[in-house]
Amino acid sequence: MAGSSIQIITAAAAVTILLLIAPHTTNAITCSDVTSAVAPCVAYAYSGQGSPSASCCNGVRSLNSKMATGDDRRAVCNCLKNLAKTVSFNAGAVAGLPGKCGVNVPFAISTSADCTKIH
């Protein structure tokens, strides 16, 4: 019985040490997150007419607030760039969307954006 208790304590200590030295990961922004955030913007992105809807701007602002690190900004840039390549949008409307929603993003939203240069 004593040997079994020592094995359990040793195993628990090993697991604790592994958890303490394991690299901490953050929840990265996924393209699914980006797509969901900008989905309400589709009508505006196609037409470029009028103003983006309140739900569109809420999604843009929410996405902008989640871009806390350079990795986050590069991920969002790449997702938007790839999205812009797959769907035919009004390029000017899409590029101007952050400004219309009152946010400033550190990259141009276009199919030619160089996301690797974002910090």
PDB file of N, CA and C in Angstrom:
ATOM      1  N   MET A   1       0.818  -1.193   0.000  1.00  0.00           N
ATOM      2  CA  MET A   1       0.000   0.000   0.000  1.00  0.00           C
ATOM      3  C   MET A   1       0.861   1.257   0.000  1.00  0.00           C
ATOM      4  N   ALA A   2       1.933   1.248   0.775  1.00  0.00           N
ATOM      5  CA  ALA A   2       2.806   2.418   0.845  1.00  0.00           C
ATOM      6  C   ALA A   2       3.469   2.685  -0.489  1.00  0.00           C
ATOM      7  N   GLY A   3       3.880   1.619  -1.212  1.00  0.00           N
ATOM      8  CA  GLY A   3       4.491   1.774  -2.522  1.00  0.00           C
ATOM      9  C   GLY A   3       3.533   2.388  -3.514  1.00  0.00           C
ATOM     10  N   SER A   4       2.275   2.009  -3.419  1.00  0.00           N
ATOM     11  CA  SER A   4       1.267   2.537  -4.326  1.00  0.00           C
ATOM     12  C   SER A   4       1.015   4.026  -4.062  1.00  0.00           C
ATOM     13  N   SER A   5       1.051   4.445  -2.805  1.00  0.00           N
ATOM     14  CA  SER A   5       0.872   5.862  -2.464  1.00  0.00           C
ATOM     15  C   SER A   5       2.029   6.691  -2.992  1.00  0.00           C
ATOM     16  N   ILE A   6       3.236   6.157  -2.887  1.00  0.00           N
ATOM     17  CA  ILE A   6       4.417   6.870  -3.388  1.00  0.00           C
ATOM     18  C   ILE A   6       4.343   7.012  -4.903  1.00  0.00           C
ATOM     19  N   GLN A   7       3.862   5.984  -5.605  1.00  0.00           N
ATOM     20  CA  GLN A   7       3.736   6.049  -7.069  1.00  0.00           C
ATOM     21  C   GLN A   7       2.715   7.113  -7.465  1.00  0.00           C
ATOM     22  N   ILE A   8       1.622   7.187  -6.737  1.00  0.00           N
ATOM     23  CA  ILE A   8       0.580   8.180  -7.042  1.00  0.00           C
ATOM     24  C   ILE A   8       1.121   9.591  -6.813  1.00  0.00           C
ATOM     25  N   ILE A   9       1.825   9.791  -5.695  1.00  0.00           N
ATOM     26  CA  ILE A   9       2.397  11.103  -5.394  1.00  0.00           C
ATOM     27  C   ILE A   9       3.444  11.478  -6.442  1.00  0.00           C
ATOM     28  N   THR A  10       4.273  10.523  -6.847  1.00  0.00           N
ATOM     29  CA  THR A  10       5.291  10.776  -7.861  1.00  0.00           C
ATOM     30  C   THR A  10       4.647  11.131  -9.194  1.00  0.00           C
ATOM     31  N   ALA A  11       3.605  10.409  -9.568  1.00  0.00           N
ATOM     32  CA  ALA A  11       2.901  10.690 -10.824  1.00  0.00           C
ATOM     33  C   ALA A  11       2.253  12.075 -10.783  1.00  0.00           C
ATOM     34  N   ALA A  12       1.629  12.402  -9.648  1.00  0.00           N
ATOM     35  CA  ALA A  12       0.998  13.722  -9.509  1.00  0.00           C
ATOM     36  C   ALA A  12       2.040  14.827  -9.589  1.00  0.00           C
ATOM     37  N   ALA A  13       3.189  14.629  -8.971  1.00  0.00           N
ATOM     38  CA  ALA A  13       4.257  15.626  -9.028  1.00  0.00           C
ATOM     39  C   ALA A  13       4.767  15.796 -10.454  1.00  0.00           C
ATOM     40  N   ALA A  14       4.908  14.687 -11.182  1.00  0.00           N
ATOM     41  CA  ALA A  14       5.378  14.752 -12.562  1.00  0.00           C
ATOM     42  C   ALA A  14       4.390  15.518 -13.437  1.00  0.00           C
ATOM     43  N   VAL A  15       3.102  15.255 -13.268  1.00  0.00           N
ATOM     44  CA  VAL A  15       2.079  15.965 -14.051  1.00  0.00           C
ATOM     45  C   VAL A  15       2.108  17.455 -13.715  1.00  0.00           C
ATOM     46  N   THR A  16       2.230  17.785 -12.448  1.00  0.00           N
ATOM     47  CA  THR A  16       2.284  19.188 -12.035  1.00  0.00           C
ATOM     48  C   THR A  16       3.477  19.900 -12.657  1.00  0.00           C
ATOM     49  N   ILE A  17       4.626  19.256 -12.633  1.00  0.00           N
ATOM     50  CA  ILE A  17       5.830  19.855 -13.226  1.00  0.00           C
ATOM     51  C   ILE A  17       5.645  20.059 -14.725  1.00  0.00           C
ATOM     52  N   LEU A  18       5.066  19.071 -15.402  1.00  0.00           N
ATOM     53  CA  LEU A  18       4.832  19.206 -16.847  1.00  0.00           C
ATOM     54  C   LEU A  18       3.893  20.363 -17.154  1.00  0.00           C
ATOM     55  N   LEU A  19       2.856  20.520 -16.352  1.00  0.00           N
ATOM     56  CA  LEU A  19       1.921  21.624 -16.573  1.00  0.00           C
ATOM     57  C   LEU A  19       2.584  22.979 -16.337  1.00  0.00           C
ATOM     58  N   LEU A  20       3.478  23.034 -15.371  1.00  0.00           N
ATOM     59  CA  LEU A  20       4.145  24.306 -15.073  1.00  0.00           C
ATOM     60  C   LEU A  20       5.167  24.703 -16.130  1.00  0.00           C
ATOM     61  N   ILE A  21       5.835  23.710 -16.741  1.00  0.00           N
ATOM     62  CA  ILE A  21       6.863  24.066 -17.719  1.00  0.00           C
ATOM     63  C   ILE A  21       6.349  24.054 -19.155  1.00  0.00           C
ATOM     64  N   ALA A  22       5.125  23.601 -19.359  1.00  0.00           N
ATOM     65  CA  ALA A  22       4.570  23.573 -20.709  1.00  0.00           C
ATOM     66  C   ALA A  22       4.372  25.008 -21.187  1.00  0.00           C
ATOM     67  N   PRO A  23       4.592  25.262 -22.481  1.00  0.00           N
ATOM     68  CA  PRO A  23       4.384  26.620 -22.986  1.00  0.00           C
ATOM     69  C   PRO A  23       2.907  26.990 -22.909  1.00  0.00           C
ATOM     70  N   HIS A  24       2.680  28.208 -22.501  1.00  0.00           N
ATOM     71  CA  HIS A  24       1.308  28.694 -22.433  1.00  0.00           C
ATOM     72  C   HIS A  24       0.886  29.159 -23.818  1.00  0.00           C
ATOM     73  N   THR A  25      -0.268  28.706 -24.245  1.00  0.00           N
ATOM     74  CA  THR A  25      -0.769  29.093 -25.554  1.00  0.00           C
ATOM     75  C   THR A  25      -1.953  30.031 -25.383  1.00  0.00           C
ATOM     76  N   THR A  26      -2.129  30.866 -26.354  1.00  0.00           N
ATOM     77  CA  THR A  26      -3.279  31.754 -26.347  1.00  0.00           C
ATOM     78  C   THR A  26      -4.243  31.301 -27.422  1.00  0.00           C
ATOM     79  N   ASN A  27      -5.459  31.703 -27.277  1.00  0.00           N
ATOM     80  CA  ASN A  27      -6.447  31.362 -28.289  1.00  0.00           C
ATOM     81  C   ASN A  27      -6.255  32.296 -29.470  1.00  0.00           C
ATOM     82  N   ALA A  28      -5.707  31.777 -30.524  1.00  0.00           N
ATOM     83  CA  ALA A  28      -5.467  32.586 -31.719  1.00  0.00           C
ATOM     84  C   ALA A  28      -6.790  32.857 -32.423  1.00  0.00           C
ATOM     85  N   ILE A  29      -6.836  33.946 -33.134  1.00  0.00           N
ATOM     86  CA  ILE A  29      -8.010  34.271 -33.934  1.00  0.00           C
ATOM     87  C   ILE A  29      -8.007  33.356 -35.145  1.00  0.00           C
ATOM     88  N   THR A  30      -9.123  32.719 -35.403  1.00  0.00           N
ATOM     89  CA  THR A  30      -9.246  31.808 -36.546  1.00  0.00           C
ATOM     90  C   THR A  30      -9.973  32.506 -37.690  1.00  0.00           C
ATOM     91  N   CYS A  31      -9.845  31.938 -38.867  1.00  0.00           N
ATOM     92  CA  CYS A  31     -10.576  32.496 -40.010  1.00  0.00           C
ATOM     93  C   CYS A  31     -12.083  32.369 -39.802  1.00  0.00           C
ATOM     94  N   SER A  32     -12.492  31.371 -39.066  1.00  0.00           N
ATOM     95  CA  SER A  32     -13.913  31.237 -38.738  1.00  0.00           C
ATOM     96  C   SER A  32     -14.373  32.427 -37.894  1.00  0.00           C
ATOM     97  N   ASP A  33     -13.537  32.847 -36.941  1.00  0.00           N
ATOM     98  CA  ASP A  33     -13.852  34.034 -36.126  1.00  0.00           C
ATOM     99  C   ASP A  33     -13.976  35.271 -37.008  1.00  0.00           C
ATOM    100  N   VAL A  34     -13.041  35.410 -37.936  1.00  0.00           N
ATOM    101  CA  VAL A  34     -13.025  36.574 -38.836  1.00  0.00           C
ATOM    102  C   VAL A  34     -14.275  36.572 -39.717  1.00  0.00           C
ATOM    103  N   THR A  35     -14.566  35.422 -40.309  1.00  0.00           N
ATOM    104  CA  THR A  35     -15.733  35.304 -41.188  1.00  0.00           C
ATOM    105  C   THR A  35     -17.017  35.631 -40.442  1.00  0.00           C
ATOM    106  N   SER A  36     -17.144  35.107 -39.229  1.00  0.00           N
ATOM    107  CA  SER A  36     -18.342  35.389 -38.424  1.00  0.00           C
ATOM    108  C   SER A  36     -18.460  36.873 -38.106  1.00  0.00           C
ATOM    109  N   ALA A  37     -17.338  37.498 -37.792  1.00  0.00           N
ATOM    110  CA  ALA A  37     -17.360  38.921 -37.431  1.00  0.00           C
ATOM    111  C   ALA A  37     -17.772  39.809 -38.605  1.00  0.00           C
ATOM    112  N   VAL A  38     -17.308  39.464 -39.808  1.00  0.00           N
ATOM    113  CA  VAL A  38     -17.591  40.329 -40.960  1.00  0.00           C
ATOM    114  C   VAL A  38     -18.800  39.868 -41.775  1.00  0.00           C
ATOM    115  N   ALA A  39     -19.419  38.776 -41.408  1.00  0.00           N
ATOM    116  CA  ALA A  39     -20.590  38.274 -42.156  1.00  0.00           C
ATOM    117  C   ALA A  39     -21.686  39.329 -42.319  1.00  0.00           C
ATOM    118  N   PRO A  40     -21.983  40.122 -41.295  1.00  0.00           N
ATOM    119  CA  PRO A  40     -23.022  41.145 -41.479  1.00  0.00           C
ATOM    120  C   PRO A  40     -22.633  42.250 -42.470  1.00  0.00           C
ATOM    121  N   CYS A  41     -21.394  42.246 -42.925  1.00  0.00           N
ATOM    122  CA  CYS A  41     -20.904  43.285 -43.831  1.00  0.00           C
ATOM    123  C   CYS A  41     -21.048  42.905 -45.303  1.00  0.00           C
ATOM    124  N   VAL A  42     -21.539  41.713 -45.587  1.00  0.00           N
ATOM    125  CA  VAL A  42     -21.558  41.212 -46.963  1.00  0.00           C
ATOM    126  C   VAL A  42     -22.340  42.125 -47.904  1.00  0.00           C
ATOM    127  N   ALA A  43     -23.533  42.543 -47.513  1.00  0.00           N
ATOM    128  CA  ALA A  43     -24.349  43.390 -48.401  1.00  0.00           C
ATOM    129  C   ALA A  43     -23.619  44.688 -48.731  1.00  0.00           C
ATOM    130  N   TYR A  44     -23.030  45.312 -47.721  1.00  0.00           N
ATOM    131  CA  TYR A  44     -22.285  46.545 -47.963  1.00  0.00           C
ATOM    132  C   TYR A  44     -21.055  46.282 -48.823  1.00  0.00           C
ATOM    133  N   ALA A  45     -20.368  45.192 -48.559  1.00  0.00           N
ATOM    134  CA  ALA A  45     -19.146  44.868 -49.304  1.00  0.00           C
ATOM    135  C   ALA A  45     -19.434  44.613 -50.778  1.00  0.00           C
ATOM    136  N   TYR A  46     -20.578  44.076 -51.090  1.00  0.00           N
ATOM    137  CA  TYR A  46     -20.941  43.854 -52.499  1.00  0.00           C
ATOM    138  C   TYR A  46     -21.283  45.159 -53.192  1.00  0.00           C
ATOM    139  N   SER A  47     -22.123  45.968 -52.538  1.00  0.00           N
ATOM    140  CA  SER A  47     -22.627  47.165 -53.215  1.00  0.00           C
ATOM    141  C   SER A  47     -21.732  48.383 -53.036  1.00  0.00           C
ATOM    142  N   GLY A  48     -21.187  48.553 -51.858  1.00  0.00           N
ATOM    143  CA  GLY A  48     -20.408  49.752 -51.567  1.00  0.00           C
ATOM    144  C   GLY A  48     -21.280  50.986 -51.437  1.00  0.00           C
ATOM    145  N   GLN A  49     -22.566  50.785 -51.385  1.00  0.00           N
ATOM    146  CA  GLN A  49     -23.511  51.902 -51.330  1.00  0.00           C
ATOM    147  C   GLN A  49     -23.942  52.175 -49.894  1.00  0.00           C
ATOM    148  N   GLY A  50     -24.140  53.435 -49.593  1.00  0.00           N
ATOM    149  CA  GLY A  50     -24.633  53.811 -48.273  1.00  0.00           C
ATOM    150  C   GLY A  50     -23.587  53.605 -47.202  1.00  0.00           C
ATOM    151  N   SER A  51     -24.064  53.190 -46.059  1.00  0.00           N
ATOM    152  CA  SER A  51     -23.183  52.961 -44.916  1.00  0.00           C
ATOM    153  C   SER A  51     -23.304  51.520 -44.468  1.00  0.00           C
ATOM    154  N   PRO A  52     -22.254  50.990 -43.874  1.00  0.00           N
ATOM    155  CA  PRO A  52     -22.360  49.632 -43.332  1.00  0.00           C
ATOM    156  C   PRO A  52     -23.372  49.604 -42.183  1.00  0.00           C
ATOM    157  N   SER A  53     -24.005  48.471 -41.988  1.00  0.00           N
ATOM    158  CA  SER A  53     -25.010  48.337 -40.937  1.00  0.00           C
ATOM    159  C   SER A  53     -24.356  48.384 -39.557  1.00  0.00           C
ATOM    160  N   ALA A  54     -25.184  48.621 -38.552  1.00  0.00           N
ATOM    161  CA  ALA A  54     -24.694  48.639 -37.170  1.00  0.00           C
ATOM    162  C   ALA A  54     -24.105  47.277 -36.802  1.00  0.00           C
ATOM    163  N   SER A  55     -24.743  46.189 -37.240  1.00  0.00           N
ATOM    164  CA  SER A  55     -24.216  44.853 -36.904  1.00  0.00           C
ATOM    165  C   SER A  55     -22.888  44.602 -37.606  1.00  0.00           C
ATOM    166  N   CYS A  56     -22.722  45.137 -38.799  1.00  0.00           N
ATOM    167  CA  CYS A  56     -21.446  45.032 -39.507  1.00  0.00           C
ATOM    168  C   CYS A  56     -20.357  45.753 -38.703  1.00  0.00           C
ATOM    169  N   CYS A  57     -20.612  46.990 -38.333  1.00  0.00           N
ATOM    170  CA  CYS A  57     -19.609  47.766 -37.595  1.00  0.00           C
ATOM    171  C   CYS A  57     -19.336  47.169 -36.220  1.00  0.00           C
ATOM    172  N   ASN A  58     -20.350  46.592 -35.586  1.00  0.00           N
ATOM    173  CA  ASN A  58     -20.123  45.927 -34.304  1.00  0.00           C
ATOM    174  C   ASN A  58     -19.156  44.758 -34.489  1.00  0.00           C
ATOM    175  N   GLY A  59     -19.325  44.005 -35.573  1.00  0.00           N
ATOM    176  CA  GLY A  59     -18.424  42.889 -35.860  1.00  0.00           C
ATOM    177  C   GLY A  59     -17.014  43.366 -36.166  1.00  0.00           C
ATOM    178  N   VAL A  60     -16.895  44.436 -36.933  1.00  0.00           N
ATOM    179  CA  VAL A  60     -15.581  44.997 -37.279  1.00  0.00           C
ATOM    180  C   VAL A  60     -14.886  45.501 -36.014  1.00  0.00           C
ATOM    181  N   ARG A  61     -15.618  46.203 -35.170  1.00  0.00           N
ATOM    182  CA  ARG A  61     -15.025  46.713 -33.919  1.00  0.00           C
ATOM    183  C   ARG A  61     -14.631  45.569 -32.986  1.00  0.00           C
ATOM    184  N   SER A  62     -15.468  44.559 -32.914  1.00  0.00           N
ATOM    185  CA  SER A  62     -15.160  43.403 -32.066  1.00  0.00           C
ATOM    186  C   SER A  62     -13.898  42.699 -32.553  1.00  0.00           C
ATOM    187  N   LEU A  63     -13.811  42.501 -33.850  1.00  0.00           N
ATOM    188  CA  LEU A  63     -12.634  41.862 -34.430  1.00  0.00           C
ATOM    189  C   LEU A  63     -11.392  42.708 -34.180  1.00  0.00           C
ATOM    190  N   ASN A  64     -11.512  44.005 -34.353  1.00  0.00           N
ATOM    191  CA  ASN A  64     -10.390  44.912 -34.121  1.00  0.00           C
ATOM    192  C   ASN A  64      -9.904  44.831 -32.668  1.00  0.00           C
ATOM    193  N   SER A  65     -10.823  44.733 -31.743  1.00  0.00           N
ATOM    194  CA  SER A  65     -10.433  44.675 -30.324  1.00  0.00           C
ATOM    195  C   SER A  65      -9.732  43.360 -29.978  1.00  0.00           C
ATOM    196  N   LYS A  66      -9.937  42.324 -30.771  1.00  0.00           N
ATOM    197  CA  LYS A  66      -9.298  41.031 -30.518  1.00  0.00           C
ATOM    198  C   LYS A  66      -7.888  40.949 -31.108  1.00  0.00           C
ATOM    199  N   MET A  67      -7.513  41.906 -31.930  1.00  0.00           N
ATOM    200  CA  MET A  67      -6.192  41.890 -32.560  1.00  0.00           C
ATOM    201  C   MET A  67      -5.162  42.513 -31.625  1.00  0.00           C
ATOM    202  N   ALA A  68      -4.840  41.814 -30.550  1.00  0.00           N
ATOM    203  CA  ALA A  68      -3.954  42.349 -29.523  1.00  0.00           C
ATOM    204  C   ALA A  68      -2.480  42.171 -29.842  1.00  0.00           C
ATOM    205  N   THR A  69      -2.142  41.178 -30.649  1.00  0.00           N
ATOM    206  CA  THR A  69      -0.730  40.896 -30.924  1.00  0.00           C
ATOM    207  C   THR A  69      -0.459  40.951 -32.424  1.00  0.00           C
ATOM    208  N   GLY A  70       0.807  40.985 -32.764  1.00  0.00           N
ATOM    209  CA  GLY A  70       1.188  40.935 -34.177  1.00  0.00           C
ATOM    210  C   GLY A  70       0.697  39.663 -34.838  1.00  0.00           C
ATOM    211  N   ASP A  71       0.759  38.542 -34.115  1.00  0.00           N
ATOM    212  CA  ASP A  71       0.253  37.274 -34.664  1.00  0.00           C
ATOM    213  C   ASP A  71      -1.230  37.365 -34.960  1.00  0.00           C
ATOM    214  N   ASP A  72      -1.993  38.002 -34.052  1.00  0.00           N
ATOM    215  CA  ASP A  72      -3.430  38.185 -34.272  1.00  0.00           C
ATOM    216  C   ASP A  72      -3.679  39.017 -35.525  1.00  0.00           C
ATOM    217  N   ARG A  73      -2.946  40.131 -35.647  1.00  0.00           N
ATOM    218  CA  ARG A  73      -3.146  41.028 -36.795  1.00  0.00           C
ATOM    219  C   ARG A  73      -2.777  40.334 -38.107  1.00  0.00           C
ATOM    220  N   ARG A  74      -1.687  39.564 -38.101  1.00  0.00           N
ATOM    221  CA  ARG A  74      -1.296  38.826 -39.318  1.00  0.00           C
ATOM    222  C   ARG A  74      -2.337  37.774 -39.659  1.00  0.00           C
ATOM    223  N   ALA A  75      -2.873  37.104 -38.661  1.00  0.00           N
ATOM    224  CA  ALA A  75      -3.900  36.081 -38.900  1.00  0.00           C
ATOM    225  C   ALA A  75      -5.148  36.705 -39.519  1.00  0.00           C
ATOM    226  N   VAL A  76      -5.599  37.824 -38.958  1.00  0.00           N
ATOM    227  CA  VAL A  76      -6.784  38.498 -39.489  1.00  0.00           C
ATOM    228  C   VAL A  76      -6.511  38.993 -40.905  1.00  0.00           C
ATOM    229  N   CYS A  77      -5.353  39.589 -41.119  1.00  0.00           N
ATOM    230  CA  CYS A  77      -4.975  40.068 -42.450  1.00  0.00           C
ATOM    231  C   CYS A  77      -5.037  38.937 -43.471  1.00  0.00           C
ATOM    232  N   ASN A  78      -4.417  37.803 -43.139  1.00  0.00           N
ATOM    233  CA  ASN A  78      -4.410  36.669 -44.068  1.00  0.00           C
ATOM    234  C   ASN A  78      -5.811  36.135 -44.334  1.00  0.00           C
ATOM    235  N   CYS A  79      -6.632  36.072 -43.300  1.00  0.00           N
ATOM    236  CA  CYS A  79      -8.006  35.594 -43.478  1.00  0.00           C
ATOM    237  C   CYS A  79      -8.798  36.524 -44.391  1.00  0.00           C
ATOM    238  N   LEU A  80      -8.682  37.832 -44.132  1.00  0.00           N
ATOM    239  CA  LEU A  80      -9.412  38.794 -44.967  1.00  0.00           C
ATOM    240  C   LEU A  80      -8.887  38.799 -46.401  1.00  0.00           C
ATOM    241  N   LYS A  81      -7.587  38.674 -46.550  1.00  0.00           N
ATOM    242  CA  LYS A  81      -6.973  38.631 -47.880  1.00  0.00           C
ATOM    243  C   LYS A  81      -7.493  37.417 -48.661  1.00  0.00           C
ATOM    244  N   ASN A  82      -7.515  36.264 -48.022  1.00  0.00           N
ATOM    245  CA  ASN A  82      -8.000  35.054 -48.682  1.00  0.00           C
ATOM    246  C   ASN A  82      -9.488  35.128 -48.952  1.00  0.00           C
ATOM    247  N   LEU A  83     -10.233  35.716 -48.038  1.00  0.00           N
ATOM    248  CA  LEU A  83     -11.667  35.895 -48.252  1.00  0.00           C
ATOM    249  C   LEU A  83     -11.920  36.805 -49.450  1.00  0.00           C
ATOM    250  N   ALA A  84     -11.150  37.873 -49.548  1.00  0.00           N
ATOM    251  CA  ALA A  84     -11.299  38.810 -50.660  1.00  0.00           C
ATOM    252  C   ALA A  84     -10.962  38.152 -51.999  1.00  0.00           C
ATOM    253  N   LYS A  85     -10.071  37.155 -51.975  1.00  0.00           N
ATOM    254  CA  LYS A  85      -9.712  36.448 -53.211  1.00  0.00           C
ATOM    255  C   LYS A  85     -10.799  35.487 -53.671  1.00  0.00           C
ATOM    256  N   THR A  86     -11.607  35.002 -52.744  1.00  0.00           N
ATOM    257  CA  THR A  86     -12.593  33.986 -53.092  1.00  0.00           C
ATOM    258  C   THR A  86     -13.957  34.547 -53.433  1.00  0.00           C
ATOM    259  N   VAL A  87     -14.216  35.764 -53.026  1.00  0.00           N
ATOM    260  CA  VAL A  87     -15.532  36.364 -53.249  1.00  0.00           C
ATOM    261  C   VAL A  87     -15.351  37.696 -53.962  1.00  0.00           C
ATOM    262  N   SER A  88     -16.225  37.990 -54.880  1.00  0.00           N
ATOM    263  CA  SER A  88     -16.127  39.231 -55.642  1.00  0.00           C
ATOM    264  C   SER A  88     -16.834  40.363 -54.888  1.00  0.00           C
ATOM    265  N   PHE A  89     -16.055  41.217 -54.231  1.00  0.00           N
ATOM    266  CA  PHE A  89     -16.577  42.351 -53.487  1.00  0.00           C
ATOM    267  C   PHE A  89     -16.186  43.645 -54.177  1.00  0.00           C
ATOM    268  N   ASN A  90     -16.811  44.726 -53.759  1.00  0.00           N
ATOM    269  CA  ASN A  90     -16.420  46.062 -54.163  1.00  0.00           C
ATOM    270  C   ASN A  90     -15.148  46.387 -53.381  1.00  0.00           C
ATOM    271  N   ALA A  91     -14.003  46.370 -54.045  1.00  0.00           N
ATOM    272  CA  ALA A  91     -12.706  46.513 -53.374  1.00  0.00           C
ATOM    273  C   ALA A  91     -12.602  47.808 -52.577  1.00  0.00           C
ATOM    274  N   GLY A  92     -13.110  48.891 -53.112  1.00  0.00           N
ATOM    275  CA  GLY A  92     -13.054  50.173 -52.414  1.00  0.00           C
ATOM    276  C   GLY A  92     -13.895  50.165 -51.149  1.00  0.00           C
ATOM    277  N   ALA A  93     -15.069  49.553 -51.229  1.00  0.00           N
ATOM    278  CA  ALA A  93     -15.941  49.475 -50.054  1.00  0.00           C
ATOM    279  C   ALA A  93     -15.287  48.652 -48.955  1.00  0.00           C
ATOM    280  N   VAL A  94     -14.700  47.532 -49.335  1.00  0.00           N
ATOM    281  CA  VAL A  94     -14.055  46.661 -48.352  1.00  0.00           C
ATOM    282  C   VAL A  94     -12.853  47.366 -47.724  1.00  0.00           C
ATOM    283  N   ALA A  95     -12.036  48.011 -48.522  1.00  0.00           N
ATOM    284  CA  ALA A  95     -10.853  48.704 -48.012  1.00  0.00           C
ATOM    285  C   ALA A  95     -11.236  49.833 -47.047  1.00  0.00           C
ATOM    286  N   GLY A  96     -12.350  50.485 -47.303  1.00  0.00           N
ATOM    287  CA  GLY A  96     -12.782  51.609 -46.472  1.00  0.00           C
ATOM    288  C   GLY A  96     -13.647  51.230 -45.292  1.00  0.00           C
ATOM    289  N   LEU A  97     -13.966  49.950 -45.172  1.00  0.00           N
ATOM    290  CA  LEU A  97     -14.873  49.503 -44.120  1.00  0.00           C
ATOM    291  C   LEU A  97     -14.393  49.835 -42.704  1.00  0.00           C
ATOM    292  N   PRO A  98     -13.148  49.575 -42.351  1.00  0.00           N
ATOM    293  CA  PRO A  98     -12.733  49.925 -40.980  1.00  0.00           C
ATOM    294  C   PRO A  98     -12.958  51.405 -40.667  1.00  0.00           C
ATOM    295  N   GLY A  99     -12.575  52.276 -41.574  1.00  0.00           N
ATOM    296  CA  GLY A  99     -12.757  53.707 -41.356  1.00  0.00           C
ATOM    297  C   GLY A  99     -14.212  54.085 -41.199  1.00  0.00           C
ATOM    298  N   LYS A 100     -15.085  53.475 -41.990  1.00  0.00           N
ATOM    299  CA  LYS A 100     -16.521  53.768 -41.897  1.00  0.00           C
ATOM    300  C   LYS A 100     -17.088  53.304 -40.565  1.00  0.00           C
ATOM    301  N   CYS A 101     -16.425  52.321 -39.962  1.00  0.00           N
ATOM    302  CA  CYS A 101     -16.886  51.800 -38.669  1.00  0.00           C
ATOM    303  C   CYS A 101     -16.123  52.420 -37.506  1.00  0.00           C
ATOM    304  N   GLY A 102     -15.262  53.401 -37.802  1.00  0.00           N
ATOM    305  CA  GLY A 102     -14.570  54.129 -36.759  1.00  0.00           C
ATOM    306  C   GLY A 102     -13.389  53.405 -36.131  1.00  0.00           C
ATOM    307  N   VAL A 103     -12.789  52.482 -36.868  1.00  0.00           N
ATOM    308  CA  VAL A 103     -11.596  51.808 -36.349  1.00  0.00           C
ATOM    309  C   VAL A 103     -10.452  51.974 -37.336  1.00  0.00           C
ATOM    310  N   ASN A 104      -9.245  51.838 -36.813  1.00  0.00           N
ATOM    311  CA  ASN A 104      -8.050  51.944 -37.628  1.00  0.00           C
ATOM    312  C   ASN A 104      -7.312  50.613 -37.549  1.00  0.00           C
ATOM    313  N   VAL A 105      -7.111  49.958 -38.684  1.00  0.00           N
ATOM    314  CA  VAL A 105      -6.367  48.698 -38.696  1.00  0.00           C
ATOM    315  C   VAL A 105      -5.008  48.942 -39.334  1.00  0.00           C
ATOM    316  N   PRO A 106      -3.990  48.213 -38.886  1.00  0.00           N
ATOM    317  CA  PRO A 106      -2.626  48.470 -39.360  1.00  0.00           C
ATOM    318  C   PRO A 106      -2.276  47.796 -40.681  1.00  0.00           C
ATOM    319  N   PHE A 107      -3.282  47.547 -41.505  1.00  0.00           N
ATOM    320  CA  PHE A 107      -3.036  46.932 -42.806  1.00  0.00           C
ATOM    321  C   PHE A 107      -4.184  47.273 -43.741  1.00  0.00           C
ATOM    322  N   ALA A 108      -3.894  47.202 -45.029  1.00  0.00           N
ATOM    323  CA  ALA A 108      -4.927  47.427 -46.033  1.00  0.00           C
ATOM    324  C   ALA A 108      -5.675  46.118 -46.256  1.00  0.00           C
ATOM    325  N   ILE A 109      -6.965  46.213 -46.389  1.00  0.00           N
ATOM    326  CA  ILE A 109      -7.750  45.020 -46.683  1.00  0.00           C
ATOM    327  C   ILE A 109      -7.841  44.917 -48.192  1.00  0.00           C
ATOM    328  N   SER A 110      -7.020  44.044 -48.747  1.00  0.00           N
ATOM    329  CA  SER A 110      -7.006  43.850 -50.190  1.00  0.00           C
ATOM    330  C   SER A 110      -6.376  42.507 -50.512  1.00  0.00           C
ATOM    331  N   THR A 111      -6.548  42.086 -51.744  1.00  0.00           N
ATOM    332  CA  THR A 111      -5.973  40.808 -52.180  1.00  0.00           C
ATOM    333  C   THR A 111      -4.455  40.900 -52.314  1.00  0.00           C
ATOM    334  N   SER A 112      -3.930  42.106 -52.324  1.00  0.00           N
ATOM    335  CA  SER A 112      -2.476  42.257 -52.471  1.00  0.00           C
ATOM    336  C   SER A 112      -1.780  42.660 -51.166  1.00  0.00           C
ATOM    337  N   ALA A 113      -2.484  42.606 -50.057  1.00  0.00           N
ATOM    338  CA  ALA A 113      -1.880  42.978 -48.771  1.00  0.00           C
ATOM    339  C   ALA A 113      -0.716  42.051 -48.449  1.00  0.00           C
ATOM    340  N   ASP A 114       0.366  42.629 -47.933  1.00  0.00           N
ATOM    341  CA  ASP A 114       1.511  41.833 -47.502  1.00  0.00           C
ATOM    342  C   ASP A 114       1.424  41.676 -45.992  1.00  0.00           C
ATOM    343  N   CYS A 115       0.752  40.615 -45.570  1.00  0.00           N
ATOM    344  CA  CYS A 115       0.487  40.390 -44.151  1.00  0.00           C
ATOM    345  C   CYS A 115       1.736  40.068 -43.343  1.00  0.00           C
ATOM    346  N   THR A 116       2.801  39.697 -44.027  1.00  0.00           N
ATOM    347  CA  THR A 116       4.039  39.344 -43.305  1.00  0.00           C
ATOM    348  C   THR A 116       4.712  40.563 -42.689  1.00  0.00           C
ATOM    349  N   LYS A 117       4.393  41.752 -43.165  1.00  0.00           N
ATOM    350  CA  LYS A 117       5.035  42.970 -42.681  1.00  0.00           C
ATOM    351  C   LYS A 117       4.291  43.625 -41.515  1.00  0.00           C
ATOM    352  N   ILE A 118       3.242  42.984 -41.044  1.00  0.00           N
ATOM    353  CA  ILE A 118       2.456  43.545 -39.953  1.00  0.00           C
ATOM    354  C   ILE A 118       3.105  43.179 -38.630  1.00  0.00           C
ATOM    355  N   HIS A 119       3.188  44.169 -37.735  1.00  0.00           N
ATOM    356  CA  HIS A 119       3.806  43.930 -36.414  1.00  0.00           C
ATOM    357  C   HIS A 119       2.769  43.917 -35.338  1.00  0.00           C
TER     358      HIS A 119
END
